[in-house]
Protein backbone atom coordinates (compact mmCIF):
# COMPACT_ATOMS: atom_id res chain seq x y z
CA MET A 1 -87.77 101.54 -82.24
CA SER A 2 -87.93 104.97 -80.37
CA VAL A 3 -87.69 104.85 -76.95
CA ARG A 4 -88.60 107.19 -74.02
CA ILE A 5 -88.10 107.93 -70.51
CA ARG A 6 -91.49 108.73 -69.12
CA LEU A 7 -93.97 108.61 -66.06
CA ARG A 8 -95.92 105.39 -65.16
CA ARG A 9 -98.79 106.35 -62.72
CA THR A 10 -99.45 104.40 -59.96
CA GLY A 11 -100.91 104.69 -56.62
CA ALA A 12 -104.74 104.45 -55.35
CA LYS A 13 -107.29 107.03 -56.48
CA LYS A 14 -106.66 110.85 -56.17
CA GLN A 15 -103.41 109.75 -54.58
CA PRO A 16 -100.45 109.64 -57.40
CA SER A 17 -97.00 108.38 -57.51
CA TYR A 18 -95.04 108.05 -60.64
CA ARG A 19 -92.57 105.57 -61.57
CA LEU A 20 -89.92 106.65 -64.32
CA VAL A 21 -89.79 103.79 -66.88
CA VAL A 22 -88.09 103.60 -70.18
CA ALA A 23 -90.82 102.06 -72.71
CA ASP A 24 -91.42 101.94 -76.46
CA SER A 25 -93.13 105.58 -77.37
CA ARG A 26 -95.79 103.49 -78.90
CA ALA A 27 -96.44 101.87 -75.59
CA PRO A 28 -99.39 102.72 -73.63
CA ARG A 29 -98.87 104.89 -70.40
CA ASP A 30 -99.24 101.93 -67.56
CA GLY A 31 -98.68 99.38 -70.58
CA ARG A 32 -95.27 97.82 -71.59
CA PHE A 33 -91.71 99.14 -70.64
CA LEU A 34 -88.07 97.69 -70.96
CA ALA A 35 -86.65 98.91 -67.46
CA ILE A 36 -87.49 100.71 -64.22
CA VAL A 37 -85.28 103.58 -63.65
CA GLY A 38 -86.52 105.30 -60.84
CA HIS A 39 -89.73 106.62 -58.79
CA TYR A 40 -91.24 110.27 -58.06
CA ASN A 41 -93.71 110.84 -55.26
CA PRO A 42 -94.99 114.82 -55.63
CA ARG A 43 -97.06 114.17 -52.79
CA ARG A 44 -94.44 114.10 -50.30
CA ASN A 45 -93.34 117.49 -48.81
CA PRO A 46 -90.45 117.83 -50.14
CA VAL A 47 -90.95 116.19 -53.68
CA GLU A 48 -89.35 112.47 -53.29
CA LEU A 49 -87.30 111.70 -56.41
CA VAL A 50 -85.30 108.66 -56.60
CA VAL A 51 -83.35 108.07 -59.59
CA GLN A 52 -80.60 105.12 -60.84
CA GLU A 53 -78.08 107.62 -62.27
CA GLU A 54 -75.78 105.21 -63.91
CA ALA A 55 -79.57 103.35 -65.55
CA ILE A 56 -80.60 106.88 -66.68
CA ARG A 57 -77.05 107.91 -68.52
CA GLY A 58 -76.64 104.43 -70.08
CA TRP A 59 -80.41 105.31 -71.53
CA LEU A 60 -79.53 108.48 -72.53
CA ARG A 61 -75.98 107.42 -74.18
CA ARG A 62 -78.44 104.68 -76.33
CA GLY A 63 -80.54 107.87 -77.65
CA ALA A 64 -83.85 107.50 -75.48
CA GLN A 65 -85.54 110.73 -75.49
CA PRO A 66 -87.21 111.84 -71.63
CA SER A 67 -90.61 113.33 -72.12
CA VAL A 68 -91.06 116.74 -71.20
CA PRO A 69 -92.05 116.31 -67.21
CA VAL A 70 -89.16 113.74 -67.00
CA ALA A 71 -86.74 116.31 -68.54
CA ARG A 72 -87.75 118.99 -65.82
CA LEU A 73 -87.45 116.16 -63.09
CA LEU A 74 -83.78 114.85 -64.45
CA ALA A 75 -82.53 118.95 -65.18
CA SER A 76 -83.66 119.19 -61.39
CA ALA A 77 -81.08 116.46 -60.46
CA GLY A 78 -78.65 117.30 -62.50
CA LEU A 79 -78.51 114.68 -64.94
CA TYR A 80 -79.95 116.36 -68.27
CA ASP A 81 -79.14 119.62 -69.74
CA PRO A 82 -81.40 122.48 -68.62
CA SER A 83 -80.89 124.30 -71.87
CA LYS A 84 -83.02 121.39 -73.35
CA VAL A 85 -86.05 121.65 -71.16
CA ARG A 86 -89.09 123.25 -72.57
CA LEU A 87 -90.41 125.99 -70.39
CA ARG A 88 -93.70 126.52 -69.48
CA LYS A 89 -95.77 129.05 -71.00
CA PRO A 90 -96.97 131.19 -68.53
CA ARG A 91 -101.13 131.34 -68.18
CA GLU A 92 -102.58 134.11 -69.50
CA ARG A 93 -104.30 136.47 -66.73
CA ARG A 94 -107.94 136.53 -66.81
CA LYS A 95 -109.54 139.53 -68.50
CA LYS A 96 -111.67 141.17 -65.92
CA SER A 97 -115.09 142.66 -67.66
CA ALA A 98 -116.41 145.63 -67.29
CA SER A 99 -119.67 145.03 -66.06
């Protein structure tokens, strides 16, 4: 069983907020999980990120792998090595057609 730390969507339509959960990688996004280790609200200004640091460190020690978005959030909070975080590719600029 591979365990992932990932986001679980909550909130109303077009008003997302997320819980950081530890779940089996085969479980659906909003399905069964093992533990809630924090929450993330991107709609607040500044963005709200609350994590249980000891719980996350414990799960990482036991081999849980964070998803890419969670790895970025944990790296910004200082809980994950930023060198392990996959960087986003810059979007290609649209080519202007000479019409």
